[in-house]
Protein backbone atom coordinates (compact mmCIF):
# COMPACT_ATOMS: atom_id res chain seq x y z
CA UNK A 1 22.44 -13.39 -9.60
CA UNK A 2 18.95 -14.03 -11.24
CA UNK A 3 18.79 -16.38 -14.02
CA UNK A 4 17.85 -15.12 -17.61
CA UNK A 5 15.00 -17.41 -18.87
CA UNK A 6 15.61 -16.84 -22.23
CA UNK A 7 19.21 -17.96 -21.95
CA UNK A 8 17.84 -20.93 -20.15
CA UNK A 9 15.87 -21.62 -22.99
CA UNK A 10 18.45 -20.47 -25.52
CA UNK A 11 16.08 -17.99 -27.30
CA UNK A 12 16.11 -14.53 -28.02
CA UNK A 13 14.05 -11.89 -26.01
CA UNK A 14 11.96 -11.46 -28.59
CA UNK A 15 11.06 -15.02 -29.77
CA UNK A 16 7.50 -16.10 -30.46
CA UNK A 17 5.42 -18.62 -28.22
CA UNK A 18 6.04 -21.18 -31.05
CA UNK A 19 10.04 -20.56 -31.02
CA UNK A 20 10.04 -20.82 -26.90
CA UNK A 21 7.67 -23.89 -26.92
CA UNK A 22 9.92 -25.73 -29.40
CA UNK A 23 13.03 -24.86 -27.67
CA UNK A 24 11.54 -26.03 -24.10
CA UNK A 25 10.30 -29.36 -25.98
CA UNK A 26 13.60 -30.02 -27.08
CA UNK A 27 15.64 -29.21 -24.05
CA UNK A 28 12.67 -31.18 -21.78
CA UNK A 29 13.37 -34.50 -23.92
CA UNK A 30 17.30 -34.09 -23.62
CA UNK A 31 17.19 -33.33 -19.65
CA UNK A 32 14.05 -35.44 -18.68
CA UNK A 33 15.28 -37.82 -15.41
CA UNK A 34 14.08 -40.82 -16.90
CA UNK A 35 16.55 -40.13 -19.96
CA UNK A 36 19.38 -38.16 -18.74
CA UNK A 37 20.92 -39.78 -15.70
CA UNK A 38 23.98 -37.17 -15.64
CA UNK A 39 24.83 -35.14 -12.37
CA UNK A 40 22.83 -31.98 -12.44
CA UNK A 41 20.42 -33.05 -15.27
CA UNK A 42 17.40 -32.96 -12.75
CA UNK A 43 18.03 -29.60 -11.50
CA UNK A 44 18.87 -28.07 -15.44
CA UNK A 45 15.36 -29.87 -16.22
CA UNK A 46 13.63 -28.06 -13.34
CA UNK A 47 15.31 -24.91 -14.42
CA UNK A 48 14.28 -25.53 -17.90
CA UNK A 49 10.41 -26.30 -17.14
CA UNK A 50 10.14 -23.10 -14.65
CA UNK A 51 11.41 -20.88 -17.35
CA UNK A 52 8.95 -22.13 -19.91
CA UNK A 53 6.42 -21.65 -17.59
CA UNK A 54 6.81 -17.87 -17.05
CA UNK A 55 7.66 -17.38 -20.67
CA UNK A 56 4.69 -19.25 -21.95
CA UNK A 57 2.34 -17.33 -19.99
CA UNK A 58 1.65 -13.57 -21.53
CA UNK A 59 1.00 -11.77 -18.11
CA UNK A 60 4.05 -13.72 -16.40
CA UNK A 61 6.27 -12.97 -19.52
CA UNK A 62 5.03 -9.11 -19.42
CA UNK A 63 5.85 -8.80 -15.88
CA UNK A 64 9.24 -10.67 -15.86
CA UNK A 65 10.19 -8.53 -19.13
CA UNK A 66 9.45 -5.45 -16.45
CA UNK A 67 11.93 -6.77 -13.98
CA UNK A 68 8.57 -7.42 -11.75
CA UNK A 69 7.60 -10.73 -9.85
CA UNK A 70 7.33 -13.79 -12.00
CA UNK A 71 4.81 -15.48 -9.69
CA UNK A 72 7.40 -17.46 -7.32
CA UNK A 73 9.05 -20.58 -8.67
CA UNK A 74 5.98 -22.24 -10.01
CA UNK A 75 4.62 -25.69 -10.17
CA UNK A 76 7.00 -27.10 -12.64
CA UNK A 77 5.46 -30.56 -11.59
CA UNK A 78 2.28 -29.78 -13.31
CA UNK A 79 4.01 -28.95 -16.66
CA UNK A 80 6.12 -32.07 -16.46
CA UNK A 81 2.73 -34.11 -16.04
CA UNK A 82 1.22 -31.97 -18.63
CA UNK A 83 3.69 -32.58 -21.42
CA UNK A 84 5.30 -35.99 -20.35
CA UNK A 85 1.73 -37.46 -18.96
CA UNK A 86 1.75 -39.75 -16.14
CA UNK A 87 -0.18 -37.77 -12.85
CA UNK A 88 -3.58 -38.07 -13.28
CA UNK A 89 -5.85 -35.45 -14.89
CA UNK A 90 -6.44 -32.05 -13.19
CA UNK A 91 -10.36 -30.93 -12.81
CA UNK A 92 -11.62 -27.72 -14.76
CA UNK A 93 -10.59 -24.29 -14.03
CA UNK A 94 -13.18 -22.77 -11.82
CA UNK A 95 -14.92 -19.56 -12.87
CA UNK A 96 -14.69 -17.76 -9.80
CA UNK A 97 -11.28 -15.99 -8.58
CA UNK A 98 -10.54 -13.92 -5.59
CA UNK A 99 -10.59 -10.36 -6.41
CA UNK A 100 -7.24 -7.90 -6.48
CA UNK A 101 -6.28 -6.08 -3.25
CA UNK A 102 -6.79 -2.47 -3.54
CA UNK A 103 -4.83 0.52 -1.97
CA UNK A 104 -6.38 3.90 -1.57
CA UNK A 105 -5.22 7.17 0.29
CA UNK A 106 -7.36 9.04 2.94
CA UNK A 107 -6.96 12.39 3.78
CA UNK A 108 -7.45 13.56 7.28
CA UNK A 109 -7.05 16.32 9.32
CA UNK A 110 -4.79 16.83 12.30
CA UNK A 111 -8.06 17.45 14.22
CA UNK A 112 -9.25 13.58 13.22
CA UNK A 113 -6.39 12.03 14.90
CA UNK A 114 -6.43 13.69 18.31
CA UNK A 115 -9.10 11.53 19.24
CA UNK A 116 -10.11 9.55 16.40
CA UNK A 117 -13.27 9.50 14.65
CA UNK A 118 -15.35 7.54 11.74
CA UNK A 119 -15.60 8.30 8.09
CA UNK A 120 -17.39 7.15 5.14
CA UNK A 121 -15.45 6.46 2.16
CA UNK A 122 -16.38 6.31 -1.51
CA UNK A 123 -14.34 3.30 -2.99
CA UNK A 124 -14.41 2.74 -6.85
CA UNK A 125 -14.19 -0.98 -7.33
CA UNK A 126 -15.61 -4.14 -8.57
CA UNK A 127 -18.66 -5.65 -7.21
CA UNK A 128 -20.89 -8.38 -7.87
CA UNK A 129 -23.32 -8.06 -10.67
CA UNK A 130 -26.98 -7.81 -9.55
CA UNK A 131 -28.34 -9.05 -13.05
CA UNK A 132 -26.63 -12.62 -12.93
CA UNK A 133 -25.34 -12.57 -8.99
CA UNK A 134 -21.70 -13.42 -10.26
CA UNK A 135 -22.85 -16.51 -12.56
CA UNK A 136 -21.85 -14.74 -15.64
CA UNK A 137 -24.95 -15.97 -17.72
CA UNK A 138 -27.74 -14.24 -18.81
CA UNK A 139 -30.48 -14.16 -16.54
CA UNK A 140 -32.40 -17.24 -16.76
CA UNK A 141 -29.98 -19.27 -18.33
CA UNK A 142 -26.98 -21.62 -17.27
CA UNK A 143 -23.76 -22.86 -18.72
CA UNK A 144 -23.77 -26.01 -20.61
CA UNK A 145 -21.11 -28.85 -20.22
CA UNK A 146 -18.32 -28.55 -22.93
CA UNK A 147 -19.02 -31.23 -25.60
CA UNK A 148 -15.32 -31.31 -26.49
CA UNK A 149 -13.86 -32.07 -23.21
CA UNK A 150 -16.99 -33.45 -21.38
CA UNK A 151 -16.78 -31.34 -18.78
CA UNK A 152 -13.03 -32.11 -17.45
CA UNK A 153 -11.52 -28.76 -18.85
CA UNK A 154 -8.56 -30.76 -20.12
CA UNK A 155 -8.03 -32.19 -23.61
CA UNK A 156 -4.93 -35.09 -23.96
CA UNK A 157 -3.16 -35.92 -27.26
CA UNK A 158 -0.67 -38.73 -27.77
CA UNK A 159 2.46 -37.63 -29.41
CA UNK A 160 4.89 -40.05 -30.95
CA UNK A 161 8.49 -39.61 -30.05
CA UNK A 162 11.71 -41.07 -29.96
CA UNK A 163 11.03 -41.84 -26.29
CA UNK A 164 8.05 -43.45 -27.08
CA UNK A 165 4.22 -42.18 -27.03
CA UNK A 166 3.82 -39.36 -24.83
CA UNK A 167 0.39 -37.95 -23.48
CA UNK A 168 -0.11 -34.54 -23.60
CA UNK A 169 -2.72 -32.39 -21.44
CA UNK A 170 -3.48 -29.03 -22.23
CA UNK A 171 -6.68 -26.81 -21.48
CA UNK A 172 -9.63 -27.34 -23.61
CA UNK A 173 -9.58 -24.57 -26.39
CA UNK A 174 -13.48 -24.73 -26.60
CA UNK A 175 -14.06 -23.84 -22.82
CA UNK A 176 -10.75 -22.32 -22.20
CA UNK A 177 -10.46 -24.83 -19.46
CA UNK A 178 -13.74 -24.35 -17.20
CA UNK A 179 -15.30 -27.43 -18.39
CA UNK A 180 -18.56 -25.38 -19.57
CA UNK A 181 -19.48 -23.26 -21.92
CA UNK A 182 -21.70 -20.01 -21.43
CA UNK A 183 -23.74 -19.63 -24.65
CA UNK A 184 -25.62 -16.42 -23.08
CA UNK A 185 -23.40 -14.34 -21.10
CA UNK A 186 -25.00 -11.45 -18.92
CA UNK A 187 -25.23 -8.51 -20.94
CA UNK A 188 -24.89 -6.22 -18.04
CA UNK A 189 -21.36 -7.62 -16.77
CA UNK A 190 -20.19 -9.03 -20.42
CA UNK A 191 -20.05 -12.39 -18.68
CA UNK A 192 -17.53 -11.07 -16.14
CA UNK A 193 -19.88 -11.69 -12.95
CA UNK A 194 -18.78 -8.35 -11.55
CA UNK A 195 -18.95 -4.36 -12.61
CA UNK A 196 -17.34 -1.41 -11.51
CA UNK A 197 -19.33 0.67 -8.97
CA UNK A 198 -18.87 3.00 -6.06
CA UNK A 199 -19.65 1.66 -2.77
CA UNK A 200 -19.37 3.13 0.68
CA UNK A 201 -16.71 1.88 3.47
CA UNK A 202 -17.29 3.09 6.96
CA UNK A 203 -13.80 3.40 8.44
CA UNK A 204 -12.92 3.66 12.32
CA UNK A 205 -9.70 6.07 12.24
CA UNK A 206 -7.98 5.31 15.26
CA UNK A 207 -6.65 8.28 17.54
CA UNK A 208 -2.94 8.67 17.21
CA UNK A 209 -2.55 7.56 13.72
CA UNK A 210 0.25 8.97 11.50
CA UNK A 211 0.82 9.97 7.80
CA UNK A 212 2.00 6.57 6.23
CA UNK A 213 0.49 3.98 8.47
CA UNK A 214 -2.19 1.83 6.87
CA UNK A 215 -5.39 -0.08 7.78
CA UNK A 216 -6.03 -3.55 6.37
CA UNK A 217 -9.77 -4.01 5.74
CA UNK A 218 -9.76 -7.90 4.90
CA UNK A 219 -12.72 -8.77 1.97
CA UNK A 220 -13.07 -5.08 1.48
CA UNK A 221 -11.37 -4.97 -1.81
CA UNK A 222 -12.47 -5.92 -5.38
CA UNK A 223 -14.85 -8.94 -5.92
CA UNK A 224 -13.12 -11.45 -8.27
CA UNK A 225 -14.17 -12.68 -11.73
CA UNK A 226 -17.43 -14.85 -11.62
CA UNK A 227 -18.49 -13.01 -8.20
CA UNK A 228 -15.28 -14.40 -6.55
CA UNK A 229 -14.47 -13.50 -3.08
CA UNK A 230 -13.09 -10.04 -2.80
CA UNK A 231 -9.30 -9.32 -2.28
CA UNK A 232 -8.47 -6.70 0.77
CA UNK A 233 -8.66 -2.92 1.22
CA UNK A 234 -5.43 -1.03 2.62
CA UNK A 235 -6.15 2.40 3.47
CA UNK A 236 -2.89 4.59 3.48
CA UNK A 237 -3.33 7.73 5.60
CA UNK A 238 -2.08 11.28 4.76
CA UNK A 239 -2.51 13.63 7.69
CA UNK A 240 -2.88 17.55 6.42
CA UNK A 241 -0.90 20.54 8.06
CA UNK A 242 -2.82 22.57 10.58
CA UNK A 243 -2.63 26.24 10.56
CA UNK A 244 -1.48 26.52 14.62
CA UNK A 245 -0.21 23.09 15.45
CA UNK A 246 2.45 20.59 14.34
CA UNK A 247 2.98 17.11 15.61
CA UNK A 248 5.81 15.67 17.14
CA UNK A 249 5.16 11.91 17.86
CA UNK A 250 2.21 12.03 20.40
CA UNK A 251 2.91 15.89 21.54
CA UNK A 252 1.33 18.62 19.50
CA UNK A 253 3.66 21.79 19.24
CA UNK A 254 2.58 25.42 18.87
CA UNK A 255 4.33 28.86 19.10
CA UNK A 256 3.32 31.89 20.53
CA UNK A 257 4.56 35.36 20.09
CA UNK A 258 5.01 37.61 22.94
CA UNK A 259 5.75 41.25 23.07
CA UNK A 260 8.96 42.36 25.26
CA UNK A 261 7.15 44.29 27.48
CA UNK A 262 4.46 41.33 28.19
CA UNK A 263 7.52 39.17 28.11
CA UNK A 264 9.06 41.38 31.52
CA UNK A 265 5.75 41.78 33.20
CA UNK A 266 4.06 38.72 32.38
CA UNK A 267 0.36 38.20 30.85
CA UNK A 268 -2.00 35.39 30.25
CA UNK A 269 -3.73 34.63 26.99
CA UNK A 270 -5.77 31.86 25.86
CA UNK A 271 -5.36 29.41 23.28
CA UNK A 272 -7.94 27.68 20.97
CA UNK A 273 -6.43 24.21 20.98
CA UNK A 274 -8.33 21.13 19.08
CA UNK A 275 -10.55 19.98 22.02
CA UNK A 276 -11.27 23.60 23.39
CA UNK A 277 -9.89 26.94 24.93
CA UNK A 278 -6.68 26.28 26.94
CA UNK A 279 -5.64 29.37 29.39
CA UNK A 280 -1.84 30.05 29.19
CA UNK A 281 -0.35 31.87 31.71
CA UNK A 282 3.38 33.91 30.51
CA UNK A 283 5.34 34.26 33.73
CA UNK A 284 7.13 37.23 33.83
CA UNK A 285 10.89 37.56 32.67
CA UNK A 286 9.84 34.48 30.03
CA UNK A 287 12.70 33.80 27.35
CA UNK A 288 12.45 33.42 24.00
CA UNK A 289 13.02 29.33 23.63
CA UNK A 290 11.28 28.57 26.90
CA UNK A 291 8.63 25.80 26.57
CA UNK A 292 5.36 25.89 28.26
CA UNK A 293 3.75 22.30 28.74
CA UNK A 294 -0.20 21.67 29.08
CA UNK A 295 -0.21 17.89 30.27
CA UNK A 296 -2.48 15.79 28.57
CA UNK A 297 -3.58 17.99 25.52
CA UNK A 298 -2.04 16.43 22.89
CA UNK A 299 -2.62 13.53 20.56
CA UNK A 300 -4.25 10.15 21.78
CA UNK A 301 -1.71 7.72 21.79
CA UNK A 302 -1.67 5.07 19.25
CA UNK A 303 -0.60 2.29 21.29
CA UNK A 304 -1.09 2.56 24.83
CA UNK A 305 -3.36 4.72 27.16
CA UNK A 306 -3.57 8.44 27.48
CA UNK A 307 -2.86 11.53 25.28
CA UNK A 308 0.33 13.28 24.53
CA UNK A 309 1.37 16.87 25.74
CA UNK A 310 0.89 20.26 24.28
CA UNK A 311 4.00 22.18 24.12
CA UNK A 312 4.02 25.71 23.48
CA UNK A 313 7.30 27.55 22.43
CA UNK A 314 7.78 30.93 23.45
CA UNK A 315 9.07 33.54 20.95
CA UNK A 316 9.64 37.21 22.39
CA UNK A 317 9.09 39.75 19.91
CA UNK A 318 11.32 42.82 20.05
CA UNK A 319 9.47 45.82 18.04
CA UNK A 320 11.46 47.38 15.34
CA UNK A 321 9.42 50.70 15.02
CA UNK A 322 8.46 52.65 17.91
CA UNK A 323 8.10 56.22 19.08
CA UNK A 324 10.04 59.21 20.51
CA UNK A 325 8.23 58.39 23.94
CA UNK A 326 8.55 54.69 23.75
CA UNK A 327 12.60 55.37 22.97
CA UNK A 328 12.65 57.45 26.12
CA UNK A 329 10.96 55.07 28.34
CA UNK A 330 13.39 52.57 27.13
CA UNK A 331 16.14 54.42 27.56
CA UNK A 332 15.26 55.31 31.01
CA UNK A 333 14.77 51.71 31.76
CA UNK A 334 18.18 50.53 30.82
CA UNK A 335 19.72 53.47 32.75
CA UNK A 336 17.94 51.88 35.63
CA UNK A 337 18.94 48.73 34.95
CA UNK A 338 22.69 49.23 33.96
CA UNK A 339 22.76 46.29 32.05
CA UNK A 340 26.29 44.55 30.97
CA UNK A 341 27.85 44.56 27.77
CA UNK A 342 26.38 41.92 25.28
CA UNK A 343 28.64 38.70 26.09
CA UNK A 344 29.12 35.54 23.65
CA UNK A 345 28.99 31.99 24.92
CA UNK A 346 28.72 28.63 23.17
CA UNK A 347 25.50 27.41 22.30
CA UNK A 348 24.37 24.88 25.10
CA UNK A 349 22.27 21.85 24.52
CA UNK A 350 18.56 21.67 25.99
CA UNK A 351 15.55 20.13 25.81
CA UNK A 352 14.20 22.95 23.45
CA UNK A 353 17.07 22.25 21.06
CA UNK A 354 14.87 20.19 18.73
CA UNK A 355 11.97 22.71 18.86
CA UNK A 356 14.45 25.95 18.19
CA UNK A 357 15.51 23.69 15.12
CA UNK A 358 12.10 23.08 14.04
CA UNK A 359 10.62 26.68 14.47
CA UNK A 360 13.46 29.07 13.91
CA UNK A 361 15.38 27.26 11.66
CA UNK A 362 18.29 26.71 13.50
């Protein structure tokens, strides 16, 4: 069961930052391993420290309150060293940060995935500011060393307590831990080192890709703060419906309506496939639910060589409106054939069963 960080610190969920900080300091002094040798005290100290790490950071606290990721267990040792001293000083915080990953949906046609294709996508993202080239400074200016922390990005204070003098270390409030101050931020990007822009990305779409599958493009996501390295770009594909063809794995599926007379006598027709015309021969006596298979005219296989097949399901169409002469001819045909009375039998499984469910609803 997940631990409630508010319960760990003994504060309410709407507690202010000051209340949370005081609660943490009180518990940390009580549970510090150098003071409390009781069994379990060290684990409890780590738990308290982790809870404070999450709740003292506005972004992590907001994610935690929403039930989201709190960023892992976190470096509780760093907070221990910051609060109690003893561990050396940390360097200034870098201005450059890795950019966020981005996920965009790409709509493609069925014809695009039969062989694969190349598309140029317009991606709205963050790019390096051309005015400052990511430095965050107005052109012709540079950051100056912070005169409060001397460029370290950290300030130290000595606090007297029951345990003696403790040295606390925290980010410098003057430079926000960067160690330097930008007096003249770049006016184009407002000192961010990046701006929003639309850029074009050329994407090789492999043949055989399906709806929901993704392509990973490392370094093609958003540029980070201060012109930092770009995150990754993920493309999630959605294959649109086609008027003639459906898809089943690597096979293309279609249906052909055949008049009852052509089903009896046989006929020929031409299907305009996604890569050119295909001649189709309807043999005499063809039945509904028969499947005509054209080898190698389906979708290119995403993994492996070759292509799937083109499968055409036959649907024999019985006319519902016919004239008197046609009725007379059909009557004569029935008299000649002397067909047996209609009979009933159980449904037999066949290779067409799945196709019948897909095309004819049962």
